[in-house]
Amino acid sequence: MASNIFEEYKTTAEIPVPEKLVDQVIGQENSVELIRKAASQKRNVLLVGLPGTGKSMLAQAMAELMPAEQLDDIVVYENNVDPQNPIIKTVKAGEGKKIVEQAQLEAQKEEGNLRMISMIFPLGWFLLSYVIWSLKMISDIVYTGTLLLGGFLIVGFALSSQLRTRNKVSVPKVLVDNSDKKVVPFAEGTGARAGALLGDVRHDPLQSSIDEDSLVVCLNGVWKKISYGKLWNRISKKHPDLVEKHEKGYEAIVLPKNEKVYALGMKEGKVVKSRIYSLNRRPYEGEVVELSIGEKKITLTPEHKVITTKGKKMAEKISEKDLLFNVSSSKTIC
């Protein structure tokens, strides 16, 4: 029966696709009903689920259901009292552009008036001086002085015009412009980049790596050297259902409670045993970077962040001037 249905279409272009994203969702009937109600009642929704289940798509679909006529623009004004804290105002969508355009017209009008004055005043001064001199009311020497003074006036107005150009009249800026938006804007918040949003919890806080692909970790109460590949394979084979696959080859495993793997960490200035809660890996670009502390060496990908005495730095930016932490493992910690 299904084959007969598909035989009605010669190409995918003939298959009708609903205009709204919410009508394109398949297999999430309860979630669709939930976001419809939440949008109509102006409520918040928290979507929790595994990668690829459609959380972002549902959130974007909900944005299309929200009333776009209630959108606002955010306008930023310069604060002359405290330049570090600009004045923020919220106006109805479309009003932001009008406010900025009106402010620009007023600034141009003010600038034009000042330029007109800077031209008329010196011209009037020369004309008045000439009339008084022609009527023999002042001597030639005084007339010469008025001409020189007129020259100074021209130079003064020219300089003031340049200063006004550098310090133009403050015009507000539209920080958020929703004037042309027919749909409520949607901000992508995918869980694949949750670390960038909330801050990464690193599996290796004190660089427990000892060479290109080896770690020093505590397994079953014993500190031992193990390659990252072997550690990954060990966990992934035991828990294949926990392997998360994301874009650009990124993979992650959140370790279950019964998998207690530890590396070295730091708490209140002391080296302590720190549990590894997740493993992640992805392809990298560029060449690996080899760092050394005395006879000890570590090889890292270029974007790996290394803890130095002055804070975290990317491996490719480490120089001889940087001091790295050198922590030795101890069986007593484990």
Protein backbone atom coordinates (compact mmCIF):
# COMPACT_ATOMS: atom_id res chain seq x y z
CA MET A 1 0.00 0.00 0.00
CA ALA A 2 2.84 2.39 0.88
CA SER A 3 4.57 1.77 -2.45
CA ASN A 4 1.38 2.72 -4.33
CA ILE A 5 1.25 6.03 -2.45
CA PHE A 6 4.83 6.92 -3.35
CA GLU A 7 4.32 5.88 -6.95
CA GLU A 8 1.94 8.83 -7.29
CA TYR A 9 4.92 11.21 -7.14
CA LYS A 10 7.61 11.33 -9.80
CA THR A 11 9.90 13.69 -7.85
CA THR A 12 10.05 15.02 -4.28
CA ALA A 13 9.11 18.46 -5.63
CA GLU A 14 5.56 17.16 -6.09
CA ILE A 15 5.15 16.22 -2.42
CA PRO A 16 3.14 18.94 -0.62
CA VAL A 17 4.98 20.52 2.33
CA PRO A 18 3.04 22.55 4.95
CA GLU A 19 4.03 26.21 5.20
CA LYS A 20 4.38 26.20 9.00
CA LEU A 21 7.20 24.22 10.57
CA VAL A 22 4.92 22.93 13.32
CA ASP A 23 2.82 21.14 10.68
CA GLN A 24 5.96 19.49 9.27
CA VAL A 25 6.84 17.73 12.55
CA ILE A 26 6.26 13.97 12.40
CA GLY A 27 6.23 11.64 15.38
CA GLN A 28 6.11 14.21 18.18
CA GLU A 29 2.37 14.66 18.56
CA ASN A 30 2.45 15.27 22.32
CA SER A 31 5.27 17.80 22.01
CA VAL A 32 3.52 19.63 19.19
CA GLU A 33 0.35 19.90 21.26
CA LEU A 34 2.41 21.14 24.21
CA ILE A 35 4.15 23.94 22.30
CA ARG A 36 0.85 25.00 20.71
CA LYS A 37 -0.69 25.44 24.15
CA ALA A 38 2.40 27.14 25.56
CA ALA A 39 2.52 29.61 22.66
CA SER A 40 -1.17 30.50 23.01
CA GLN A 41 -0.87 30.86 26.80
CA LYS A 42 2.49 32.70 26.63
CA ARG A 43 4.24 30.11 28.79
CA ASN A 44 7.79 28.78 28.84
CA VAL A 45 8.76 25.29 27.70
CA LEU A 46 11.78 23.20 28.72
CA LEU A 47 12.68 20.51 26.16
CA VAL A 48 14.89 17.67 27.38
CA GLY A 49 15.96 14.70 25.27
CA LEU A 50 18.72 12.93 23.38
CA PRO A 51 20.44 14.62 20.43
CA GLY A 52 18.48 14.42 17.23
CA THR A 53 15.04 13.99 18.81
CA GLY A 54 13.84 17.35 17.46
CA LYS A 55 14.16 19.77 20.41
CA SER A 56 15.57 22.64 18.34
CA MET A 57 13.02 22.07 15.58
CA LEU A 58 10.15 22.18 18.08
CA ALA A 59 11.55 25.36 19.63
CA GLN A 60 11.78 26.99 16.21
CA ALA A 61 8.27 25.81 15.40
CA MET A 62 7.04 27.39 18.64
CA ALA A 63 8.66 30.68 17.63
CA GLU A 64 6.54 30.69 14.46
CA LEU A 65 3.40 30.32 16.61
CA MET A 66 4.18 33.35 18.79
CA PRO A 67 2.40 36.65 17.91
CA ALA A 68 4.89 38.65 15.82
CA GLU A 69 2.89 41.88 16.22
CA GLN A 70 4.05 42.09 19.85
CA LEU A 71 7.76 42.28 18.99
CA ASP A 72 9.92 45.12 20.31
CA ASP A 73 13.00 47.00 19.12
CA ILE A 74 15.86 47.77 21.50
CA VAL A 75 17.41 51.23 21.05
CA VAL A 76 20.71 52.29 22.63
CA TYR A 77 21.37 55.92 23.61
CA GLU A 78 24.71 57.43 24.60
CA ASN A 79 24.96 58.22 28.30
CA ASN A 80 26.81 61.53 28.68
CA VAL A 81 27.02 61.11 32.46
CA ASP A 82 28.47 57.58 32.36
CA PRO A 83 29.68 56.54 28.86
CA GLN A 84 30.34 52.99 30.10
CA ASN A 85 26.63 52.45 30.83
CA PRO A 86 24.54 53.37 27.78
CA ILE A 87 20.83 54.03 28.09
CA ILE A 88 18.67 51.17 26.79
CA LYS A 89 15.07 51.70 25.72
CA THR A 90 12.48 49.26 24.40
CA VAL A 91 10.03 50.47 21.76
CA LYS A 92 7.45 48.86 19.52
CA ALA A 93 8.84 46.94 16.53
CA GLY A 94 9.51 49.35 13.67
CA GLU A 95 9.76 52.41 15.92
CA GLY A 96 13.51 51.95 16.40
CA LYS A 97 14.33 52.83 12.79
CA LYS A 98 12.03 55.85 12.91
CA ILE A 99 13.71 57.15 16.06
CA VAL A 100 17.17 56.80 14.51
CA GLU A 101 16.10 58.41 11.22
CA GLN A 102 14.52 61.34 13.09
CA ALA A 103 17.66 61.79 15.20
CA GLN A 104 19.83 61.72 12.06
CA LEU A 105 17.66 64.42 10.43
CA GLU A 106 17.90 66.61 13.52
CA ALA A 107 21.66 66.12 13.66
CA GLN A 108 22.01 67.04 9.97
CA LYS A 109 19.77 70.06 10.49
CA GLU A 110 21.85 71.22 13.45
CA GLU A 111 25.06 70.66 11.53
CA GLY A 112 23.68 72.61 8.55
CA ASN A 113 22.67 75.54 10.76
CA LEU A 114 26.13 75.69 12.32
CA ARG A 115 27.80 75.65 8.90
CA MET A 116 25.48 78.40 7.69
CA ILE A 117 26.38 80.56 10.68
CA SER A 118 30.10 79.89 10.14
CA MET A 119 29.74 81.19 6.57
CA ILE A 120 27.38 84.15 7.16
CA PHE A 121 29.13 85.64 10.21
CA PRO A 122 32.59 86.17 8.60
CA LEU A 123 30.95 87.42 5.38
CA GLY A 124 28.85 89.89 7.36
CA TRP A 125 31.94 91.03 9.26
CA PHE A 126 33.84 91.78 6.02
CA LEU A 127 30.81 93.57 4.56
CA LEU A 128 30.27 95.69 7.67
CA SER A 129 33.96 96.57 7.84
CA TYR A 130 33.94 97.64 4.19
CA VAL A 131 30.84 99.83 4.60
CA ILE A 132 32.28 101.57 7.69
CA TRP A 133 35.63 102.11 5.92
CA SER A 134 33.96 103.40 2.75
CA LEU A 135 32.05 105.95 4.84
CA LYS A 136 35.38 107.15 6.26
CA MET A 137 34.30 106.18 9.77
CA ILE A 138 37.56 104.25 10.34
CA SER A 139 41.10 104.71 9.11
CA ASP A 140 42.95 102.47 6.71
CA ILE A 141 44.96 100.97 9.56
CA VAL A 142 41.84 100.11 11.53
CA TYR A 143 40.24 98.69 8.38
CA THR A 144 43.30 96.49 7.85
CA GLY A 145 42.94 95.28 11.44
CA THR A 146 39.28 94.37 10.86
CA LEU A 147 40.27 92.38 7.77
CA LEU A 148 42.89 90.47 9.79
CA LEU A 149 40.32 89.84 12.50
CA GLY A 150 37.93 88.55 9.84
CA GLY A 151 40.64 86.14 8.69
CA PHE A 152 41.02 84.86 12.25
CA LEU A 153 37.24 84.41 12.40
CA ILE A 154 37.32 82.26 9.26
CA VAL A 155 40.12 80.11 10.68
CA GLY A 156 38.30 79.81 14.03
CA PHE A 157 35.02 78.72 12.44
CA ALA A 158 36.89 76.23 10.21
CA LEU A 159 38.60 74.67 13.23
CA SER A 160 35.34 74.49 15.18
CA SER A 161 33.70 72.83 12.18
CA GLN A 162 36.42 70.15 12.19
CA LEU A 163 35.91 69.55 15.92
CA ARG A 164 32.17 69.21 15.42
CA THR A 165 32.83 66.65 12.66
CA ARG A 166 34.91 64.55 15.05
CA ASN A 167 32.41 64.90 17.89
CA LYS A 168 29.17 64.53 16.00
CA VAL A 169 25.81 64.89 17.63
CA SER A 170 24.94 61.62 19.36
CA VAL A 171 22.53 59.50 17.35
CA PRO A 172 20.98 56.39 18.97
CA LYS A 173 21.52 52.94 17.49
CA VAL A 174 19.10 50.07 17.03
CA LEU A 175 20.54 47.09 18.89
CA VAL A 176 17.67 44.72 18.06
CA ASP A 177 15.67 45.50 14.92
CA ASN A 178 12.41 43.58 14.49
CA SER A 179 10.84 46.00 12.02
CA ASP A 180 10.79 43.55 9.12
CA LYS A 181 10.21 40.40 11.16
CA LYS A 182 7.05 38.50 10.30
CA VAL A 183 7.99 35.63 12.60
CA VAL A 184 9.31 35.77 16.16
CA PRO A 185 13.14 35.47 16.00
CA PHE A 186 14.59 32.13 17.10
CA ALA A 187 18.02 31.88 18.79
CA GLU A 188 19.75 28.55 18.18
CA GLY A 189 20.61 26.79 21.46
CA THR A 190 21.68 23.29 20.48
CA GLY A 191 22.90 20.96 23.19
CA ALA A 192 25.93 20.01 21.10
CA ARG A 193 27.45 23.34 22.13
CA ALA A 194 26.27 23.31 25.73
CA GLY A 195 29.88 23.58 26.86
CA ALA A 196 30.27 26.87 25.01
CA LEU A 197 27.08 28.14 26.63
CA LEU A 198 27.64 27.04 30.22
CA GLY A 199 31.42 26.50 30.32
CA ASP A 200 33.32 23.29 29.75
CA VAL A 201 33.96 20.79 32.54
CA ARG A 202 37.23 19.33 31.29
CA HIS A 203 38.14 15.68 31.73
CA ASP A 204 41.79 16.62 32.21
CA PRO A 205 41.97 19.68 34.51
CA LEU A 206 45.71 19.41 35.17
CA GLN A 207 46.85 17.92 31.84
CA SER A 208 47.20 14.30 32.93
CA SER A 209 48.33 13.47 29.37
CA ILE A 210 51.95 12.28 29.31
CA ASP A 211 52.48 11.82 25.58
CA GLU A 212 50.60 12.06 22.29
CA ASP A 213 47.89 9.55 23.18
CA SER A 214 48.44 8.48 26.79
CA LEU A 215 46.84 9.51 30.06
CA VAL A 216 47.58 8.81 33.70
CA VAL A 217 44.28 7.84 35.31
CA CYS A 218 43.10 5.95 38.36
CA LEU A 219 41.29 2.72 37.42
CA ASN A 220 40.12 0.23 40.06
CA GLY A 221 42.16 2.00 42.72
CA VAL A 222 45.44 1.97 40.76
CA TRP A 223 47.14 4.79 38.87
CA LYS A 224 48.14 3.56 35.45
CA LYS A 225 49.13 4.76 32.01
CA ILE A 226 46.52 4.16 29.32
CA SER A 227 46.01 5.54 25.83
CA TYR A 228 42.97 7.69 25.29
CA GLY A 229 41.92 5.40 22.45
CA LYS A 230 41.96 2.33 24.72
CA LEU A 231 40.05 4.21 27.44
CA TRP A 232 37.44 5.30 24.87
CA ASN A 233 37.10 1.78 23.45
CA ARG A 234 36.82 0.30 26.93
CA ILE A 235 33.93 2.57 27.89
CA SER A 236 32.20 2.57 24.49
CA LYS A 237 32.20 -1.24 24.26
CA LYS A 238 30.66 -1.57 27.72
CA HIS A 239 28.09 1.19 27.08
CA PRO A 240 27.52 1.53 23.32
CA ASP A 241 24.12 3.14 23.92
CA LEU A 242 25.78 6.10 25.69
CA VAL A 243 27.90 7.19 22.72
CA GLU A 244 26.57 10.51 21.40
CA LYS A 245 27.42 11.46 17.82
CA HIS A 246 27.24 15.09 16.74
CA GLU A 247 28.20 17.20 13.76
CA LYS A 248 31.73 17.39 12.31
CA GLY A 249 32.73 14.05 13.83
CA TYR A 250 32.30 15.14 17.44
CA GLU A 251 31.53 12.24 19.83
CA ALA A 252 30.89 12.17 23.56
CA ILE A 253 30.20 9.64 26.32
CA VAL A 254 28.72 10.60 29.68
CA LEU A 255 30.10 8.01 32.08
CA PRO A 256 27.52 6.15 34.17
CA LYS A 257 27.79 6.13 37.98
CA ASN A 258 29.38 2.69 38.09
CA GLU A 259 32.29 3.79 35.85
CA LYS A 260 34.60 5.59 38.25
CA VAL A 261 37.63 6.87 36.37
CA TYR A 262 39.80 9.55 37.95
CA ALA A 263 42.49 12.01 36.89
CA LEU A 264 44.34 14.66 38.87
CA GLY A 265 42.47 17.80 39.81
CA MET A 266 42.78 20.74 42.15
CA LYS A 267 40.53 21.85 45.01
CA GLU A 268 41.26 24.73 47.38
CA GLY A 269 44.85 24.81 46.18
CA LYS A 270 45.47 21.10 46.78
CA VAL A 271 45.93 18.30 44.26
CA VAL A 272 43.06 15.85 44.61
CA LYS A 273 41.59 12.90 42.76
CA SER A 274 39.01 14.23 40.30
CA ARG A 275 36.41 12.00 38.72
CA ILE A 276 36.06 12.00 34.94
CA TYR A 277 32.38 12.47 34.15
CA SER A 278 32.59 12.45 30.37
CA LEU A 279 34.88 11.62 27.46
CA ASN A 280 34.79 13.47 24.16
CA ARG A 281 36.73 13.39 20.94
CA ARG A 282 36.64 15.00 17.52
CA PRO A 283 38.89 15.46 14.47
CA TYR A 284 41.30 18.40 14.71
CA GLU A 285 42.99 20.65 12.17
CA GLY A 286 46.65 21.62 12.09
CA GLU A 287 49.69 19.94 13.64
CA VAL A 288 49.95 18.68 17.20
CA VAL A 289 52.02 20.75 19.66
CA GLU A 290 54.67 19.19 21.88
CA LEU A 291 55.34 20.86 25.23
CA SER A 292 58.04 19.86 27.69
CA ILE A 293 58.75 20.40 31.39
CA GLY A 294 62.24 19.20 32.08
CA GLU A 295 62.42 15.59 30.87
CA LYS A 296 58.63 15.27 30.71
CA LYS A 297 56.77 15.93 27.47
CA ILE A 298 53.13 16.31 26.46
CA THR A 299 51.64 16.38 22.96
CA LEU A 300 48.37 18.23 22.45
CA THR A 301 46.13 19.38 19.63
CA PRO A 302 46.69 23.08 18.80
CA GLU A 303 43.37 24.29 20.26
CA HIS A 304 43.77 22.36 23.55
CA LYS A 305 43.77 24.74 26.53
CA VAL A 306 46.71 24.38 28.91
CA ILE A 307 46.77 25.72 32.46
CA THR A 308 49.72 28.04 33.08
CA THR A 309 50.63 30.13 36.11
CA LYS A 310 49.03 33.09 34.32
CA GLY A 311 45.83 31.30 33.34
CA LYS A 312 44.64 29.09 30.48
CA LYS A 313 46.20 29.35 27.03
CA MET A 314 45.76 27.47 23.77
CA ALA A 315 48.59 24.99 23.17
CA GLU A 316 49.66 26.65 19.91
CA LYS A 317 50.18 29.96 21.75
CA ILE A 318 52.39 28.59 24.53
CA SER A 319 55.94 30.04 24.49
CA GLU A 320 59.13 29.61 26.51
CA LYS A 321 58.00 32.47 28.76
CA ASP A 322 55.00 30.49 30.05
CA LEU A 323 55.27 28.39 33.22
CA LEU A 324 53.24 25.18 33.23
CA PHE A 325 51.98 23.21 36.23
CA ASN A 326 53.94 20.02 36.85
CA VAL A 327 51.95 17.68 39.09
CA SER A 328 53.11 14.17 40.02
CA SER A 329 50.57 11.44 40.67
CA SER A 330 50.60 9.49 43.91
CA LYS A 331 49.15 6.10 44.70
CA THR A 332 48.06 7.40 48.08
CA ILE A 333 45.62 9.80 46.39
CA CYS A 334 43.91 6.92 44.64
